[in-house]
Amino acid sequence: RFDIAFIGYSGFEKDGTVMDYDLEKIAVKQAAMRRAETSVIVGDCS
């Protein structure tokens, strides 16, 4: 159980959905988010 999870990503859909490429890595991200009290995505404006 995590108090906070920092998640990387590749981009967004127009509706704000967070997107990435590698399905296995996405599975890890999603598992961490399910176990986190707070999920934080980090990425520069590009």
All heavy atoms as atom14 arrays in JSON, in Angstrom:
{
  "sequence": "RFDIAFIGYSGFEKDGTVMDYDLEKIAVKQAAMRRAETSVIVGDCS",
  "atom14_mask": [
    [1, 1, 1, 1, 1, 1, 1, 1, 1, 1, 1, 0, 0, 0],
    [1, 1, 1, 1, 1, 1, 1, 1, 1, 1, 1, 0, 0, 0],
    [1, 1, 1, 1, 1, 1, 1, 1, 0, 0, 0, 0, 0, 0],
    [1, 1, 1, 1, 1, 1, 1, 1, 0, 0, 0, 0, 0, 0],
    [1, 1, 1, 1, 1, 0, 0, 0, 0, 0, 0, 0, 0, 0],
    [1, 1, 1, 1, 1, 1, 1, 1, 1, 1, 1, 0, 0, 0],
    [1, 1, 1, 1, 1, 1, 1, 1, 0, 0, 0, 0, 0, 0],
    [1, 1, 1, 1, 0, 0, 0, 0, 0, 0, 0, 0, 0, 0],
    [1, 1, 1, 1, 1, 1, 1, 1, 1, 1, 1, 1, 0, 0],
    [1, 1, 1, 1, 1, 1, 0, 0, 0, 0, 0, 0, 0, 0],
    [1, 1, 1, 1, 0, 0, 0, 0, 0, 0, 0, 0, 0, 0],
    [1, 1, 1, 1, 1, 1, 1, 1, 1, 1, 1, 0, 0, 0],
    [1, 1, 1, 1, 1, 1, 1, 1, 1, 0, 0, 0, 0, 0],
    [1, 1, 1, 1, 1, 1, 1, 1, 1, 0, 0, 0, 0, 0],
    [1, 1, 1, 1, 1, 1, 1, 1, 0, 0, 0, 0, 0, 0],
    [1, 1, 1, 1, 0, 0, 0, 0, 0, 0, 0, 0, 0, 0],
    [1, 1, 1, 1, 1, 1, 1, 0, 0, 0, 0, 0, 0, 0],
    [1, 1, 1, 1, 1, 1, 1, 0, 0, 0, 0, 0, 0, 0],
    [1, 1, 1, 1, 1, 1, 1, 1, 0, 0, 0, 0, 0, 0],
    [1, 1, 1, 1, 1, 1, 1, 1, 0, 0, 0, 0, 0, 0],
    [1, 1, 1, 1, 1, 1, 1, 1, 1, 1, 1, 1, 0, 0],
    [1, 1, 1, 1, 1, 1, 1, 1, 0, 0, 0, 0, 0, 0],
    [1, 1, 1, 1, 1, 1, 1, 1, 0, 0, 0, 0, 0, 0],
    [1, 1, 1, 1, 1, 1, 1, 1, 1, 0, 0, 0, 0, 0],
    [1, 1, 1, 1, 1, 1, 1, 1, 1, 0, 0, 0, 0, 0],
    [1, 1, 1, 1, 1, 1, 1, 1, 0, 0, 0, 0, 0, 0],
    [1, 1, 1, 1, 1, 0, 0, 0, 0, 0, 0, 0, 0, 0],
    [1, 1, 1, 1, 1, 1, 1, 0, 0, 0, 0, 0, 0, 0],
    [1, 1, 1, 1, 1, 1, 1, 1, 1, 0, 0, 0, 0, 0],
    [1, 1, 1, 1, 1, 1, 1, 1, 1, 0, 0, 0, 0, 0],
    [1, 1, 1, 1, 1, 0, 0, 0, 0, 0, 0, 0, 0, 0],
    [1, 1, 1, 1, 1, 0, 0, 0, 0, 0, 0, 0, 0, 0],
    [1, 1, 1, 1, 1, 1, 1, 1, 0, 0, 0, 0, 0, 0],
    [1, 1, 1, 1, 1, 1, 1, 1, 1, 1, 1, 0, 0, 0],
    [1, 1, 1, 1, 1, 1, 1, 1, 1, 1, 1, 0, 0, 0],
    [1, 1, 1, 1, 1, 0, 0, 0, 0, 0, 0, 0, 0, 0],
    [1, 1, 1, 1, 1, 1, 1, 1, 1, 0, 0, 0, 0, 0],
    [1, 1, 1, 1, 1, 1, 1, 0, 0, 0, 0, 0, 0, 0],
    [1, 1, 1, 1, 1, 1, 0, 0, 0, 0, 0, 0, 0, 0],
    [1, 1, 1, 1, 1, 1, 1, 0, 0, 0, 0, 0, 0, 0],
    [1, 1, 1, 1, 1, 1, 1, 1, 0, 0, 0, 0, 0, 0],
    [1, 1, 1, 1, 1, 1, 1, 0, 0, 0, 0, 0, 0, 0],
    [1, 1, 1, 1, 0, 0, 0, 0, 0, 0, 0, 0, 0, 0],
    [1, 1, 1, 1, 1, 1, 1, 1, 0, 0, 0, 0, 0, 0],
    [1, 1, 1, 1, 1, 1, 0, 0, 0, 0, 0, 0, 0, 0],
    [1, 1, 1, 1, 1, 1, 0, 0, 0, 0, 0, 0, 0, 0]
  ],
  "atom14_positions": [
    [[0.86, -1.18, 0.0], [0.0, 0.0, 0.0], [0.9, 1.23, 0.0], [1.78, 1.37, 0.85], [-0.91, 0.05, 1.24], [-1.94, 1.19, 1.18], [-2.58, 1.45, 2.53], [-1.61, 2.03, 3.46], [-1.24, 3.32, 3.48], [-1.74, 4.16, 2.6], [-0.38, 3.75, 4.36], [0.0, 0.0, 0.0], [0.0, 0.0, 0.0], [0.0, 0.0, 0.0]],
    [[0.67, 2.12, -0.96], [1.49, 3.33, -1.1], [0.72, 4.56, -0.66], [-0.47, 4.69, -0.93], [1.91, 3.52, -2.57], [2.56, 2.31, -3.18], [1.88, 1.55, -4.12], [3.84, 1.93, -2.82], [2.46, 0.43, -4.68], [4.43, 0.81, -3.38], [3.74, 0.05, -4.31], [0.0, 0.0, 0.0], [0.0, 0.0, 0.0], [0.0, 0.0, 0.0]],
    [[1.43, 5.46, 0.02], [0.82, 6.75, 0.32], [0.74, 7.61, -0.93], [-0.23, 8.35, -1.14], [1.63, 7.48, 1.4], [1.58, 6.75, 2.73], [0.47, 6.53, 3.24], [2.66, 6.39, 3.25], [0.0, 0.0, 0.0], [0.0, 0.0, 0.0], [0.0, 0.0, 0.0], [0.0, 0.0, 0.0], [0.0, 0.0, 0.0], [0.0, 0.0, 0.0]],
    [[1.78, 7.52, -1.76], [1.84, 8.33, -2.98], [2.59, 7.57, -4.06], [3.59, 6.9, -3.77], [2.49, 9.7, -2.69], [2.39, 10.63, -3.9], [3.93, 9.55, -2.21], [2.71, 12.09, -3.54], [0.0, 0.0, 0.0], [0.0, 0.0, 0.0], [0.0, 0.0, 0.0], [0.0, 0.0, 0.0], [0.0, 0.0, 0.0], [0.0, 0.0, 0.0]],
    [[2.09, 7.62, -5.29], [2.73, 6.95, -6.42], [3.02, 7.99, -7.49], [2.13, 8.76, -7.88], [1.82, 5.86, -6.99], [0.0, 0.0, 0.0], [0.0, 0.0, 0.0], [0.0, 0.0, 0.0], [0.0, 0.0, 0.0], [0.0, 0.0, 0.0], [0.0, 0.0, 0.0], [0.0, 0.0, 0.0], [0.0, 0.0, 0.0], [0.0, 0.0, 0.0]],
    [[4.26, 8.03, -7.96], [4.66, 8.92, -9.04], [4.73, 8.1, -10.33], [5.5, 7.15, -10.42], [6.01, 9.57, -8.74], [5.95, 10.53, -7.59], [6.45, 10.19, -6.35], [5.37, 11.78, -7.75], [6.39, 11.07, -5.27], [5.29, 12.68, -6.69], [5.82, 12.32, -5.45], [0.0, 0.0, 0.0], [0.0, 0.0, 0.0], [0.0, 0.0, 0.0]],
    [[3.94, 8.51, -11.29], [3.73, 7.74, -12.51], [4.21, 8.54, -13.73], [3.86, 9.71, -13.9], [2.23, 7.39, -12.69], [1.69, 6.69, -11.44], [2.02, 6.57, -13.95], [2.3, 5.35, -11.15], [0.0, 0.0, 0.0], [0.0, 0.0, 0.0], [0.0, 0.0, 0.0], [0.0, 0.0, 0.0], [0.0, 0.0, 0.0], [0.0, 0.0, 0.0]],
    [[5.01, 7.88, -14.57], [5.41, 8.48, -15.84], [4.41, 8.14, -16.93], [3.61, 7.21, -16.8], [0.0, 0.0, 0.0], [0.0, 0.0, 0.0], [0.0, 0.0, 0.0], [0.0, 0.0, 0.0], [0.0, 0.0, 0.0], [0.0, 0.0, 0.0], [0.0, 0.0, 0.0], [0.0, 0.0, 0.0], [0.0, 0.0, 0.0], [0.0, 0.0, 0.0]],
    [[4.45, 8.87, -18.03], [3.5, 8.65, -19.12], [4.09, 9.23, -20.4], [5.1, 9.93, -20.38], [2.15, 9.3, -18.8], [2.24, 10.81, -18.66], [1.92, 11.64, -19.73], [2.65, 11.39, -17.47], [2.03, 13.02, -19.6], [2.77, 12.76, -17.34], [2.44, 13.57, -18.41], [2.56, 14.93, -18.3], [0.0, 0.0, 0.0], [0.0, 0.0, 0.0]],
    [[3.4, 8.98, -21.53], [3.89, 9.47, -22.83], [3.08, 10.63, -23.39], [3.6, 11.43, -24.15], [3.91, 8.33, -23.85], [4.89, 7.38, -23.5], [0.0, 0.0, 0.0], [0.0, 0.0, 0.0], [0.0, 0.0, 0.0], [0.0, 0.0, 0.0], [0.0, 0.0, 0.0], [0.0, 0.0, 0.0], [0.0, 0.0, 0.0], [0.0, 0.0, 0.0]],
    [[1.79, 10.7, -23.05], [0.98, 11.77, -23.6], [-0.46, 11.66, -23.14], [-0.78, 10.96, -22.18], [0.0, 0.0, 0.0], [0.0, 0.0, 0.0], [0.0, 0.0, 0.0], [0.0, 0.0, 0.0], [0.0, 0.0, 0.0], [0.0, 0.0, 0.0], [0.0, 0.0, 0.0], [0.0, 0.0, 0.0], [0.0, 0.0, 0.0], [0.0, 0.0, 0.0]],
    [[-1.34, 12.39, -23.84], [-2.75, 12.46, -23.47], [-3.64, 12.32, -24.69], [-3.28, 12.72, -25.8], [-3.08, 13.81, -22.82], [-2.36, 14.08, -21.54], [-1.2, 14.84, -21.55], [-2.82, 13.59, -20.33], [-0.51, 15.11, -20.37], [-2.14, 13.86, -19.15], [-0.99, 14.62, -19.16], [0.0, 0.0, 0.0], [0.0, 0.0, 0.0], [0.0, 0.0, 0.0]],
    [[-4.83, 11.78, -24.47], [-5.89, 11.91, -25.44], [-6.52, 13.3, -25.26], [-6.25, 14.0, -24.27], [-6.96, 10.83, -25.23], [-6.49, 9.42, -25.56], [-6.48, 9.13, -27.04], [-5.69, 9.79, -27.76], [-7.22, 8.25, -27.47], [0.0, 0.0, 0.0], [0.0, 0.0, 0.0], [0.0, 0.0, 0.0], [0.0, 0.0, 0.0], [0.0, 0.0, 0.0]],
    [[-7.38, 13.7, -26.19], [-7.99, 15.03, -26.11], [-8.85, 15.2, -24.87], [-9.04, 16.31, -24.38], [-8.81, 15.3, -27.36], [-7.97, 15.48, -28.62], [-8.83, 15.79, -29.82], [-7.96, 16.0, -31.06], [-8.79, 16.3, -32.27], [0.0, 0.0, 0.0], [0.0, 0.0, 0.0], [0.0, 0.0, 0.0], [0.0, 0.0, 0.0], [0.0, 0.0, 0.0]],
    [[-9.4, 14.08, -24.35], [-10.26, 14.16, -23.17], [-9.47, 14.08, -21.87], [-10.05, 14.0, -20.79], [-11.32, 13.06, -23.2], [-10.72, 11.65, -23.12], [-9.47, 11.51, -23.07], [-11.51, 10.67, -23.1], [0.0, 0.0, 0.0], [0.0, 0.0, 0.0], [0.0, 0.0, 0.0], [0.0, 0.0, 0.0], [0.0, 0.0, 0.0], [0.0, 0.0, 0.0]],
    [[-8.13, 14.12, -21.96], [-7.3, 14.1, -20.76], [-6.89, 12.73, -20.31], [-6.15, 12.6, -19.31], [0.0, 0.0, 0.0], [0.0, 0.0, 0.0], [0.0, 0.0, 0.0], [0.0, 0.0, 0.0], [0.0, 0.0, 0.0], [0.0, 0.0, 0.0], [0.0, 0.0, 0.0], [0.0, 0.0, 0.0], [0.0, 0.0, 0.0], [0.0, 0.0, 0.0]],
    [[-7.31, 11.68, -21.01], [-6.89, 10.33, -20.65], [-5.37, 10.21, -20.77], [-4.78, 10.64, -21.76], [-7.55, 9.29, -21.58], [-8.97, 9.36, -21.4], [-7.08, 7.89, -21.25], [0.0, 0.0, 0.0], [0.0, 0.0, 0.0], [0.0, 0.0, 0.0], [0.0, 0.0, 0.0], [0.0, 0.0, 0.0], [0.0, 0.0, 0.0], [0.0, 0.0, 0.0]],
    [[-4.75, 9.64, -19.75], [-3.29, 9.48, -19.72], [-2.91, 8.26, -20.55], [-3.49, 7.18, -20.4], [-2.79, 9.31, -18.27], [-1.27, 9.25, -18.23], [-3.3, 10.46, -17.41], [0.0, 0.0, 0.0], [0.0, 0.0, 0.0], [0.0, 0.0, 0.0], [0.0, 0.0, 0.0], [0.0, 0.0, 0.0], [0.0, 0.0, 0.0], [0.0, 0.0, 0.0]],
    [[-1.91, 8.43, -21.45], [-1.57, 7.39, -22.41], [-0.09, 7.0, -22.34], [0.75, 7.79, -21.9], [-1.89, 7.87, -23.83], [-3.33, 8.31, -24.04], [-4.51, 6.95, -23.94], [-4.15, 6.08, -25.48], [0.0, 0.0, 0.0], [0.0, 0.0, 0.0], [0.0, 0.0, 0.0], [0.0, 0.0, 0.0], [0.0, 0.0, 0.0], [0.0, 0.0, 0.0]],
    [[0.19, 5.78, -22.8], [1.57, 5.32, -22.92], [1.63, 4.25, -24.01], [0.63, 4.01, -24.69], [2.08, 4.79, -21.58], [3.57, 5.06, -21.38], [4.35, 4.67, -22.27], [3.94, 5.63, -20.35], [0.0, 0.0, 0.0], [0.0, 0.0, 0.0], [0.0, 0.0, 0.0], [0.0, 0.0, 0.0], [0.0, 0.0, 0.0], [0.0, 0.0, 0.0]],
    [[2.79, 3.59, -24.16], [3.0, 2.65, -25.26], [3.11, 1.2, -24.82], [2.48, 0.32, -25.37], [4.27, 3.02, -26.03], [4.13, 4.28, -26.83], [4.62, 5.49, -26.34], [3.49, 4.28, -28.05], [4.48, 6.65, -27.06], [3.34, 5.44, -28.78], [3.83, 6.63, -28.29], [3.68, 7.78, -29.0], [0.0, 0.0, 0.0], [0.0, 0.0, 0.0]],
    [[3.95, 0.93, -23.83], [4.31, -0.44, -23.48], [3.25, -1.04, -22.55], [3.07, -0.57, -21.42], [5.68, -0.44, -22.81], [6.24, -1.84, -22.64], [5.56, -2.67, -22.01], [7.35, -2.1, -23.11], [0.0, 0.0, 0.0], [0.0, 0.0, 0.0], [0.0, 0.0, 0.0], [0.0, 0.0, 0.0], [0.0, 0.0, 0.0], [0.0, 0.0, 0.0]],
    [[2.56, -2.08, -23.02], [1.45, -2.64, -22.25], [1.9, -3.25, -20.93], [1.19, -3.17, -19.92], [0.72, -3.69, -23.09], [0.05, -3.17, -24.37], [-0.65, -4.31, -25.1], [-0.94, -2.06, -24.06], [0.0, 0.0, 0.0], [0.0, 0.0, 0.0], [0.0, 0.0, 0.0], [0.0, 0.0, 0.0], [0.0, 0.0, 0.0], [0.0, 0.0, 0.0]],
    [[3.09, -3.86, -20.91], [3.56, -4.46, -19.66], [3.89, -3.37, -18.64], [3.62, -3.54, -17.44], [4.77, -5.34, -19.93], [4.43, -6.65, -20.64], [5.56, -7.65, -20.57], [6.68, -7.28, -20.16], [5.32, -8.82, -20.93], [0.0, 0.0, 0.0], [0.0, 0.0, 0.0], [0.0, 0.0, 0.0], [0.0, 0.0, 0.0], [0.0, 0.0, 0.0]],
    [[4.48, -2.28, -19.08], [4.77, -1.19, -18.16], [3.49, -0.51, -17.69], [3.38, -0.09, -16.54], [5.71, -0.18, -18.81], [7.09, -0.74, -19.09], [7.97, 0.28, -19.79], [9.29, -0.33, -20.22], [10.14, 0.64, -20.96], [0.0, 0.0, 0.0], [0.0, 0.0, 0.0], [0.0, 0.0, 0.0], [0.0, 0.0, 0.0], [0.0, 0.0, 0.0]],
    [[2.51, -0.41, -18.59], [1.22, 0.17, -18.2], [0.57, -0.68, -17.11], [-0.03, -0.15, -16.17], [0.3, 0.28, -19.43], [0.8, 1.4, -20.35], [-1.15, 0.55, -19.02], [0.06, 1.5, -21.67], [0.0, 0.0, 0.0], [0.0, 0.0, 0.0], [0.0, 0.0, 0.0], [0.0, 0.0, 0.0], [0.0, 0.0, 0.0], [0.0, 0.0, 0.0]],
    [[0.7, -2.0, -17.2], [0.13, -2.88, -16.17], [0.75, -2.59, -14.81], [0.06, -2.61, -13.78], [0.34, -4.34, -16.56], [0.0, 0.0, 0.0], [0.0, 0.0, 0.0], [0.0, 0.0, 0.0], [0.0, 0.0, 0.0], [0.0, 0.0, 0.0], [0.0, 0.0, 0.0], [0.0, 0.0, 0.0], [0.0, 0.0, 0.0], [0.0, 0.0, 0.0]],
    [[2.04, -2.29, -14.77], [2.7, -1.94, -13.51], [2.19, -0.6, -12.99], [1.9, -0.45, -11.8], [4.23, -1.9, -13.7], [4.92, -1.44, -12.41], [4.76, -3.27, -14.1], [0.0, 0.0, 0.0], [0.0, 0.0, 0.0], [0.0, 0.0, 0.0], [0.0, 0.0, 0.0], [0.0, 0.0, 0.0], [0.0, 0.0, 0.0], [0.0, 0.0, 0.0]],
    [[2.07, 0.38, -13.88], [1.55, 1.69, -13.48], [0.15, 1.55, -12.88], [-0.15, 2.13, -11.82], [1.48, 2.62, -14.7], [2.8, 2.92, -15.38], [2.57, 3.7, -16.68], [3.79, 3.73, -17.58], [4.89, 4.52, -17.04], [0.0, 0.0, 0.0], [0.0, 0.0, 0.0], [0.0, 0.0, 0.0], [0.0, 0.0, 0.0], [0.0, 0.0, 0.0]],
    [[-0.69, 0.8, -13.55], [-2.07, 0.65, -13.08], [-2.14, -0.09, -11.75], [-2.94, 0.26, -10.88], [-2.9, -0.08, -14.15], [-3.11, 0.76, -15.4], [-3.77, -0.01, -16.52], [-3.73, -1.24, -16.57], [-4.4, 0.7, -17.45], [0.0, 0.0, 0.0], [0.0, 0.0, 0.0], [0.0, 0.0, 0.0], [0.0, 0.0, 0.0], [0.0, 0.0, 0.0]],
    [[-1.28, -1.08, -11.57], [-1.25, -1.79, -10.28], [-0.85, -0.85, -9.16], [-1.43, -0.88, -8.06], [-0.27, -2.96, -10.37], [0.0, 0.0, 0.0], [0.0, 0.0, 0.0], [0.0, 0.0, 0.0], [0.0, 0.0, 0.0], [0.0, 0.0, 0.0], [0.0, 0.0, 0.0], [0.0, 0.0, 0.0], [0.0, 0.0, 0.0], [0.0, 0.0, 0.0]],
    [[0.15, 0.01, -9.41], [0.58, 0.96, -8.39], [-0.51, 1.96, -8.07], [-0.74, 2.31, -6.9], [1.84, 1.69, -8.87], [0.0, 0.0, 0.0], [0.0, 0.0, 0.0], [0.0, 0.0, 0.0], [0.0, 0.0, 0.0], [0.0, 0.0, 0.0], [0.0, 0.0, 0.0], [0.0, 0.0, 0.0], [0.0, 0.0, 0.0], [0.0, 0.0, 0.0]],
    [[-1.22, 2.43, -9.09], [-2.28, 3.4, -8.86], [-3.43, 2.81, -8.04], [-4.02, 3.48, -7.2], [-2.79, 3.94, -10.19], [-1.78, 4.82, -10.92], [-2.33, 5.27, -12.57], [-3.84, 6.14, -12.18], [0.0, 0.0, 0.0], [0.0, 0.0, 0.0], [0.0, 0.0, 0.0], [0.0, 0.0, 0.0], [0.0, 0.0, 0.0], [0.0, 0.0, 0.0]],
    [[-3.72, 1.54, -8.29], [-4.78, 0.88, -7.51], [-4.41, 0.79, -6.04], [-5.3, 0.77, -5.17], [-5.06, -0.52, -8.07], [-5.82, -0.54, -9.38], [-6.31, -1.93, -9.72], [-5.22, -2.87, -9.97], [-4.7, -3.11, -11.15], [-5.14, -2.46, -12.22], [-3.73, -4.0, -11.3], [0.0, 0.0, 0.0], [0.0, 0.0, 0.0], [0.0, 0.0, 0.0]],
    [[-3.12, 0.73, -5.73], [-2.67, 0.56, -4.35], [-2.23, 1.87, -3.7], [-1.76, 1.87, -2.57], [-1.49, -0.43, -4.34], [-1.86, -1.83, -4.83], [-2.83, -2.51, -3.9], [-2.22, -2.75, -2.6], [-2.9, -2.98, -1.47], [-4.22, -2.96, -1.49], [-2.25, -3.22, -0.34], [0.0, 0.0, 0.0], [0.0, 0.0, 0.0], [0.0, 0.0, 0.0]],
    [[-2.41, 2.99, -4.39], [-1.92, 4.27, -3.88], [-3.05, 5.14, -3.36], [-4.13, 5.23, -3.97], [-1.17, 5.01, -4.98], [0.0, 0.0, 0.0], [0.0, 0.0, 0.0], [0.0, 0.0, 0.0], [0.0, 0.0, 0.0], [0.0, 0.0, 0.0], [0.0, 0.0, 0.0], [0.0, 0.0, 0.0], [0.0, 0.0, 0.0], [0.0, 0.0, 0.0]],
    [[-2.79, 5.79, -2.24], [-3.72, 6.78, -1.71], [-3.79, 7.98, -2.64], [-4.85, 8.54, -2.89], [-3.27, 7.21, -0.31], [-4.19, 8.21, 0.37], [-5.51, 7.6, 0.81], [-5.56, 6.36, 0.99], [-6.49, 8.36, 0.98], [0.0, 0.0, 0.0], [0.0, 0.0, 0.0], [0.0, 0.0, 0.0], [0.0, 0.0, 0.0], [0.0, 0.0, 0.0]],
    [[-2.63, 8.4, -3.15], [-2.53, 9.55, -4.05], [-1.69, 9.15, -5.26], [-0.58, 8.66, -5.11], [-1.87, 10.75, -3.35], [-2.66, 11.12, -2.21], [-1.76, 11.94, -4.28], [0.0, 0.0, 0.0], [0.0, 0.0, 0.0], [0.0, 0.0, 0.0], [0.0, 0.0, 0.0], [0.0, 0.0, 0.0], [0.0, 0.0, 0.0], [0.0, 0.0, 0.0]],
    [[-2.22, 9.38, -6.45], [-1.49, 9.1, -7.69], [-1.12, 10.41, -8.36], [-1.98, 11.25, -8.61], [-2.33, 8.25, -8.65], [-2.58, 6.97, -8.11], [0.0, 0.0, 0.0], [0.0, 0.0, 0.0], [0.0, 0.0, 0.0], [0.0, 0.0, 0.0], [0.0, 0.0, 0.0], [0.0, 0.0, 0.0], [0.0, 0.0, 0.0], [0.0, 0.0, 0.0]],
    [[0.17, 10.57, -8.67], [0.68, 11.81, -9.25], [1.4, 11.47, -10.55], [2.33, 10.65, -10.56], [1.67, 12.5, -8.28], [2.19, 13.8, -8.9], [0.99, 12.79, -6.94], [0.0, 0.0, 0.0], [0.0, 0.0, 0.0], [0.0, 0.0, 0.0], [0.0, 0.0, 0.0], [0.0, 0.0, 0.0], [0.0, 0.0, 0.0], [0.0, 0.0, 0.0]],
    [[0.97, 12.09, -11.64], [1.7, 11.92, -12.9], [2.68, 13.07, -13.05], [2.4, 14.2, -12.68], [0.76, 11.81, -14.12], [-0.16, 13.03, -14.24], [-0.06, 10.53, -14.05], [-0.99, 13.04, -15.51], [0.0, 0.0, 0.0], [0.0, 0.0, 0.0], [0.0, 0.0, 0.0], [0.0, 0.0, 0.0], [0.0, 0.0, 0.0], [0.0, 0.0, 0.0]],
    [[3.85, 12.77, -13.62], [4.9, 13.78, -13.77], [5.39, 13.78, -15.21], [5.68, 12.73, -15.78], [6.08, 13.53, -12.8], [5.65, 13.77, -11.36], [6.65, 12.12, -12.95], [0.0, 0.0, 0.0], [0.0, 0.0, 0.0], [0.0, 0.0, 0.0], [0.0, 0.0, 0.0], [0.0, 0.0, 0.0], [0.0, 0.0, 0.0], [0.0, 0.0, 0.0]],
    [[5.47, 14.97, -15.8], [5.93, 15.07, -17.18], [6.03, 16.51, -17.62], [5.25, 17.36, -17.17], [0.0, 0.0, 0.0], [0.0, 0.0, 0.0], [0.0, 0.0, 0.0], [0.0, 0.0, 0.0], [0.0, 0.0, 0.0], [0.0, 0.0, 0.0], [0.0, 0.0, 0.0], [0.0, 0.0, 0.0], [0.0, 0.0, 0.0], [0.0, 0.0, 0.0]],
    [[6.99, 16.82, -18.5], [7.14, 18.2, -18.96], [6.09, 18.53, -20.02], [5.37, 17.66, -20.51], [8.56, 18.45, -19.47], [8.86, 17.67, -20.74], [8.38, 18.1, -21.81], [9.56, 16.65, -20.67], [0.0, 0.0, 0.0], [0.0, 0.0, 0.0], [0.0, 0.0, 0.0], [0.0, 0.0, 0.0], [0.0, 0.0, 0.0], [0.0, 0.0, 0.0]],
    [[6.02, 19.81, -20.37], [4.94, 20.3, -21.22], [4.96, 19.75, -22.64], [3.95, 19.83, -23.35], [4.93, 21.82, -21.23], [6.43, 22.56, -21.92], [0.0, 0.0, 0.0], [0.0, 0.0, 0.0], [0.0, 0.0, 0.0], [0.0, 0.0, 0.0], [0.0, 0.0, 0.0], [0.0, 0.0, 0.0], [0.0, 0.0, 0.0], [0.0, 0.0, 0.0]],
    [[6.07, 19.18, -23.1], [6.11, 18.62, -24.45], [5.12, 17.47, -24.59], [4.64, 17.18, -25.7], [7.52, 18.13, -24.79], [7.87, 17.0, -24.0], [0.0, 0.0, 0.0], [0.0, 0.0, 0.0], [0.0, 0.0, 0.0], [0.0, 0.0, 0.0], [0.0, 0.0, 0.0], [0.0, 0.0, 0.0], [0.0, 0.0, 0.0], [0.0, 0.0, 0.0]]
  ]
}
